[in-house]
Amino acid sequence: MKLDLESRIRRLEDRVSIVETVTRYCVGVDSKDWVLFASCFAPRMQTEFGEMNREEFVAIVQSALPAFRSTQHLSTNHVVTFDQSDPDMAICESDMFAQHFLEGSIGGAFYLLRARYSEQMTRTPEGWRIRSIATSNRWEEGNLNAVTEAMERVRSQN
């Protein structure tokens, strides 16, 4: 299928917008900017935890991240595939390198995760949003209990 110039330009703009949405996900998590983070998602979404609204998903992530002194999520190798039957749907596959620093943990301060993300994207009036996210962990290093410990720390502070 050969696209005209206008369609090709729109496809390039869409691709950039999709990758920027995935990147904002990382920036939102690392800066603990929950408004920015929430803006990456459709109102209803599918996650490993089941179907939920974006506020529920943000709350799950918030239940651990504030305990980490710092995190760094790097999203790379983005491959965007558009749905041939629906121009408002796409899939973005990407690699994630996530570093977490949990100061004072008996299990060690560092937890590193390498994963592959598959995010189903949908065009909304506000722009491209993640409507489904699936994570395939490739490997982990360091304190493998850091996320559980971080969640316990946040819970004990509330």
C-alpha atoms as a PDB file:
ATOM      1  CA  MET A   1       0.000   0.000   0.000  1.00  0.00           C
ATOM      2  CA  LYS A   2       1.563   3.247  -1.142  1.00  0.00           C
ATOM      3  CA  LEU A   3       0.642   6.330   0.889  1.00  0.00           C
ATOM      4  CA  ASP A   4       0.436   9.839  -0.508  1.00  0.00           C
ATOM      5  CA  LEU A   5       2.757  12.520   0.869  1.00  0.00           C
ATOM      6  CA  GLU A   6       0.181  13.934   3.295  1.00  0.00           C
ATOM      7  CA  SER A   7      -0.532  10.457   4.717  1.00  0.00           C
ATOM      8  CA  ARG A   8       3.190   9.705   5.040  1.00  0.00           C
ATOM      9  CA  ILE A   9       3.792  12.969   6.929  1.00  0.00           C
ATOM     10  CA  ARG A  10       0.855  12.258   9.245  1.00  0.00           C
ATOM     11  CA  ARG A  11       2.237   8.751   9.863  1.00  0.00           C
ATOM     12  CA  LEU A  12       5.632  10.234  10.807  1.00  0.00           C
ATOM     13  CA  GLU A  13       3.952  12.734  13.144  1.00  0.00           C
ATOM     14  CA  ASP A  14       1.964   9.905  14.716  1.00  0.00           C
ATOM     15  CA  ARG A  15       5.099   7.810  15.190  1.00  0.00           C
ATOM     16  CA  VAL A  16       6.881  10.691  16.951  1.00  0.00           C
ATOM     17  CA  SER A  17       3.850  11.364  19.144  1.00  0.00           C
ATOM     18  CA  ILE A  18       3.612   7.691  20.140  1.00  0.00           C
ATOM     19  CA  VAL A  19       7.304   7.475  21.074  1.00  0.00           C
ATOM     20  CA  GLU A  20       7.016  10.767  23.003  1.00  0.00           C
ATOM     21  CA  THR A  21       4.071   9.353  24.960  1.00  0.00           C
ATOM     22  CA  VAL A  22       6.148   6.309  25.952  1.00  0.00           C
ATOM     23  CA  THR A  23       9.049   8.614  26.877  1.00  0.00           C
ATOM     24  CA  ARG A  24       6.757  10.839  28.994  1.00  0.00           C
ATOM     25  CA  TYR A  25       5.774   7.670  30.869  1.00  0.00           C
ATOM     26  CA  CYS A  26       9.435   7.321  31.925  1.00  0.00           C
ATOM     27  CA  VAL A  27       9.857  11.023  32.745  1.00  0.00           C
ATOM     28  CA  GLY A  28       6.644  11.017  34.780  1.00  0.00           C
ATOM     29  CA  VAL A  29       7.719   8.002  36.831  1.00  0.00           C
ATOM     30  CA  ASP A  30      11.236   9.274  37.478  1.00  0.00           C
ATOM     31  CA  SER A  31      10.117  12.790  38.410  1.00  0.00           C
ATOM     32  CA  LYS A  32       7.155  11.399  40.395  1.00  0.00           C
ATOM     33  CA  ASP A  33       4.974  13.740  38.380  1.00  0.00           C
ATOM     34  CA  TRP A  34       1.762  11.749  38.649  1.00  0.00           C
ATOM     35  CA  VAL A  35      -0.233  14.175  36.506  1.00  0.00           C
ATOM     36  CA  LEU A  36       2.280  13.798  33.666  1.00  0.00           C
ATOM     37  CA  PHE A  37       2.384  10.027  34.191  1.00  0.00           C
ATOM     38  CA  ALA A  38      -1.431   9.744  34.125  1.00  0.00           C
ATOM     39  CA  SER A  39      -1.575  11.811  30.927  1.00  0.00           C
ATOM     40  CA  CYS A  40       0.124   8.952  29.069  1.00  0.00           C
ATOM     41  CA  PHE A  41      -2.850   6.608  29.443  1.00  0.00           C
ATOM     42  CA  ALA A  42      -6.326   6.196  28.035  1.00  0.00           C
ATOM     43  CA  PRO A  43      -9.146   6.543  30.595  1.00  0.00           C
ATOM     44  CA  ARG A  44      -9.556   2.712  30.685  1.00  0.00           C
ATOM     45  CA  MET A  45      -6.608   0.415  30.197  1.00  0.00           C
ATOM     46  CA  GLN A  46      -5.449  -3.173  30.366  1.00  0.00           C
ATOM     47  CA  THR A  47      -2.436  -4.013  32.545  1.00  0.00           C
ATOM     48  CA  GLU A  48      -0.864  -7.084  34.114  1.00  0.00           C
ATOM     49  CA  PHE A  49      -3.102  -6.296  37.101  1.00  0.00           C
ATOM     50  CA  GLY A  50      -6.250  -6.476  34.942  1.00  0.00           C
ATOM     51  CA  GLU A  51      -8.502  -3.888  33.354  1.00  0.00           C
ATOM     52  CA  MET A  52      -8.684  -0.635  35.291  1.00  0.00           C
ATOM     53  CA  ASN A  53      -8.968   3.094  34.941  1.00  0.00           C
ATOM     54  CA  ARG A  54      -5.804   5.150  34.694  1.00  0.00           C
ATOM     55  CA  GLU A  55      -6.193   6.558  38.224  1.00  0.00           C
ATOM     56  CA  GLU A  56      -6.095   3.011  39.626  1.00  0.00           C
ATOM     57  CA  PHE A  57      -2.935   2.244  37.634  1.00  0.00           C
ATOM     58  CA  VAL A  58      -1.254   5.458  38.782  1.00  0.00           C
ATOM     59  CA  ALA A  59      -2.120   4.552  42.395  1.00  0.00           C
ATOM     60  CA  ILE A  60      -0.438   1.155  41.995  1.00  0.00           C
ATOM     61  CA  VAL A  61       2.759   2.762  40.704  1.00  0.00           C
ATOM     62  CA  GLN A  62       2.544   5.421  43.433  1.00  0.00           C
ATOM     63  CA  SER A  63       2.372   2.652  46.033  1.00  0.00           C
ATOM     64  CA  ALA A  64       6.088   1.933  45.517  1.00  0.00           C
ATOM     65  CA  LEU A  65       7.931   4.695  43.687  1.00  0.00           C
ATOM     66  CA  PRO A  66       7.984   7.395  46.392  1.00  0.00           C
ATOM     67  CA  ALA A  67      10.141   5.161  48.627  1.00  0.00           C
ATOM     68  CA  PHE A  68      12.952   5.043  46.084  1.00  0.00           C
ATOM     69  CA  ARG A  69      15.464   7.844  46.506  1.00  0.00           C
ATOM     70  CA  SER A  70      15.754   7.890  42.732  1.00  0.00           C
ATOM     71  CA  THR A  71      14.845   5.904  39.648  1.00  0.00           C
ATOM     72  CA  GLN A  72      15.861   6.092  36.027  1.00  0.00           C
ATOM     73  CA  HIS A  73      13.735   4.527  33.312  1.00  0.00           C
ATOM     74  CA  LEU A  74      15.251   4.527  29.827  1.00  0.00           C
ATOM     75  CA  SER A  75      13.043   3.519  26.915  1.00  0.00           C
ATOM     76  CA  THR A  76      14.815   2.527  23.701  1.00  0.00           C
ATOM     77  CA  ASN A  77      14.466   0.575  20.453  1.00  0.00           C
ATOM     78  CA  HIS A  78      10.946   1.783  19.712  1.00  0.00           C
ATOM     79  CA  VAL A  79       9.182  -0.066  16.922  1.00  0.00           C
ATOM     80  CA  VAL A  80       5.766   1.317  16.046  1.00  0.00           C
ATOM     81  CA  THR A  81       3.348  -0.788  14.016  1.00  0.00           C
ATOM     82  CA  PHE A  82       0.117   0.798  12.850  1.00  0.00           C
ATOM     83  CA  ASP A  83      -3.118  -1.144  12.607  1.00  0.00           C
ATOM     84  CA  GLN A  84      -3.874  -1.467   8.886  1.00  0.00           C
ATOM     85  CA  SER A  85      -7.625  -1.474   9.484  1.00  0.00           C
ATOM     86  CA  ASP A  86      -7.765   1.375  12.038  1.00  0.00           C
ATOM     87  CA  PRO A  87      -5.497   4.446  11.685  1.00  0.00           C
ATOM     88  CA  ASP A  88      -6.219   5.373  15.319  1.00  0.00           C
ATOM     89  CA  MET A  89      -4.606   2.215  16.724  1.00  0.00           C
ATOM     90  CA  ALA A  90      -0.949   1.169  16.907  1.00  0.00           C
ATOM     91  CA  ILE A  91       1.451  -0.966  18.912  1.00  0.00           C
ATOM     92  CA  CYS A  92       4.729   0.390  20.284  1.00  0.00           C
ATOM     93  CA  GLU A  93       7.317  -2.219  21.257  1.00  0.00           C
ATOM     94  CA  SER A  94      10.275  -0.911  23.252  1.00  0.00           C
ATOM     95  CA  ASP A  95      13.074  -1.954  25.568  1.00  0.00           C
ATOM     96  CA  MET A  96      13.171  -0.631  29.130  1.00  0.00           C
ATOM     97  CA  PHE A  97      16.217  -0.269  31.346  1.00  0.00           C
ATOM     98  CA  ALA A  98      14.982   0.663  34.807  1.00  0.00           C
ATOM     99  CA  GLN A  99      17.319   1.498  37.683  1.00  0.00           C
ATOM    100  CA  HIS A 100      16.037   1.925  41.229  1.00  0.00           C
ATOM    101  CA  PHE A 101      17.918   3.219  44.273  1.00  0.00           C
ATOM    102  CA  LEU A 102      16.400   2.184  47.625  1.00  0.00           C
ATOM    103  CA  GLU A 103      18.580   3.799  50.246  1.00  0.00           C
ATOM    104  CA  GLY A 104      19.208   1.784  53.426  1.00  0.00           C
ATOM    105  CA  SER A 105      17.811  -1.520  52.212  1.00  0.00           C
ATOM    106  CA  ILE A 106      19.251  -4.644  53.839  1.00  0.00           C
ATOM    107  CA  GLY A 107      18.886  -6.434  50.502  1.00  0.00           C
ATOM    108  CA  GLY A 108      21.021  -3.838  48.742  1.00  0.00           C
ATOM    109  CA  ALA A 109      20.358  -0.347  47.518  1.00  0.00           C
ATOM    110  CA  PHE A 110      20.147  -1.119  43.793  1.00  0.00           C
ATOM    111  CA  TYR A 111      17.569  -2.935  41.711  1.00  0.00           C
ATOM    112  CA  LEU A 112      17.984  -3.069  37.940  1.00  0.00           C
ATOM    113  CA  LEU A 113      15.376  -4.342  35.507  1.00  0.00           C
ATOM    114  CA  ARG A 114      15.628  -4.928  31.772  1.00  0.00           C
ATOM    115  CA  ALA A 115      12.297  -5.548  30.085  1.00  0.00           C
ATOM    116  CA  ARG A 116      10.459  -5.424  26.793  1.00  0.00           C
ATOM    117  CA  TYR A 117       7.260  -3.373  26.727  1.00  0.00           C
ATOM    118  CA  SER A 118       4.370  -3.877  24.338  1.00  0.00           C
ATOM    119  CA  GLU A 119       1.986  -0.964  24.477  1.00  0.00           C
ATOM    120  CA  GLN A 120      -1.237  -0.792  22.524  1.00  0.00           C
ATOM    121  CA  MET A 121      -1.777   2.834  21.627  1.00  0.00           C
ATOM    122  CA  THR A 122      -4.976   4.663  20.741  1.00  0.00           C
ATOM    123  CA  ARG A 123      -5.487   8.101  19.282  1.00  0.00           C
ATOM    124  CA  THR A 124      -7.715  10.236  21.512  1.00  0.00           C
ATOM    125  CA  PRO A 125      -8.787  13.891  21.175  1.00  0.00           C
ATOM    126  CA  GLU A 126      -5.863  14.681  23.531  1.00  0.00           C
ATOM    127  CA  GLY A 127      -3.344  12.711  21.421  1.00  0.00           C
ATOM    128  CA  TRP A 128      -1.924   9.181  21.447  1.00  0.00           C
ATOM    129  CA  ARG A 129      -2.431   7.299  24.737  1.00  0.00           C
ATOM    130  CA  ILE A 130      -1.485   3.888  26.092  1.00  0.00           C
ATOM    131  CA  ARG A 131      -4.580   1.669  26.332  1.00  0.00           C
ATOM    132  CA  SER A 132      -2.786  -1.578  27.132  1.00  0.00           C
ATOM    133  CA  ILE A 133       0.651  -2.279  28.552  1.00  0.00           C
ATOM    134  CA  ALA A 134       2.382  -5.638  28.856  1.00  0.00           C
ATOM    135  CA  THR A 135       5.849  -6.144  30.279  1.00  0.00           C
ATOM    136  CA  SER A 136       8.119  -9.048  29.493  1.00  0.00           C
ATOM    137  CA  ASN A 137      10.989  -9.053  31.982  1.00  0.00           C
ATOM    138  CA  ARG A 138      14.282 -10.002  30.337  1.00  0.00           C
ATOM    139  CA  TRP A 139      16.478 -10.063  33.436  1.00  0.00           C
ATOM    140  CA  GLU A 140      16.902  -8.479  36.840  1.00  0.00           C
ATOM    141  CA  GLU A 141      19.917  -7.715  39.034  1.00  0.00           C
ATOM    142  CA  GLY A 142      20.516  -6.521  42.545  1.00  0.00           C
ATOM    143  CA  ASN A 143      17.872  -6.366  45.259  1.00  0.00           C
ATOM    144  CA  LEU A 144      15.011  -8.353  43.721  1.00  0.00           C
ATOM    145  CA  ASN A 145      12.803  -7.507  46.728  1.00  0.00           C
ATOM    146  CA  ALA A 146      13.272  -3.742  46.366  1.00  0.00           C
ATOM    147  CA  VAL A 147       9.806  -3.068  44.921  1.00  0.00           C
ATOM    148  CA  THR A 148       8.074  -5.048  47.683  1.00  0.00           C
ATOM    149  CA  GLU A 149      10.170  -3.292  50.315  1.00  0.00           C
ATOM    150  CA  ALA A 150       9.428   0.100  48.752  1.00  0.00           C
ATOM    151  CA  MET A 151       5.694  -0.635  48.835  1.00  0.00           C
ATOM    152  CA  GLU A 152       5.950  -1.611  52.509  1.00  0.00           C
ATOM    153  CA  ARG A 153       7.805   1.621  53.296  1.00  0.00           C
ATOM    154  CA  VAL A 154       5.145   3.736  51.582  1.00  0.00           C
ATOM    155  CA  ARG A 155       2.356   1.803  53.305  1.00  0.00           C
ATOM    156  CA  SER A 156       3.969   2.262  56.736  1.00  0.00           C
ATOM    157  CA  GLN A 157       4.229   6.039  56.180  1.00  0.00           C
ATOM    158  CA  ASN A 158       0.494   6.353  55.455  1.00  0.00           C
END
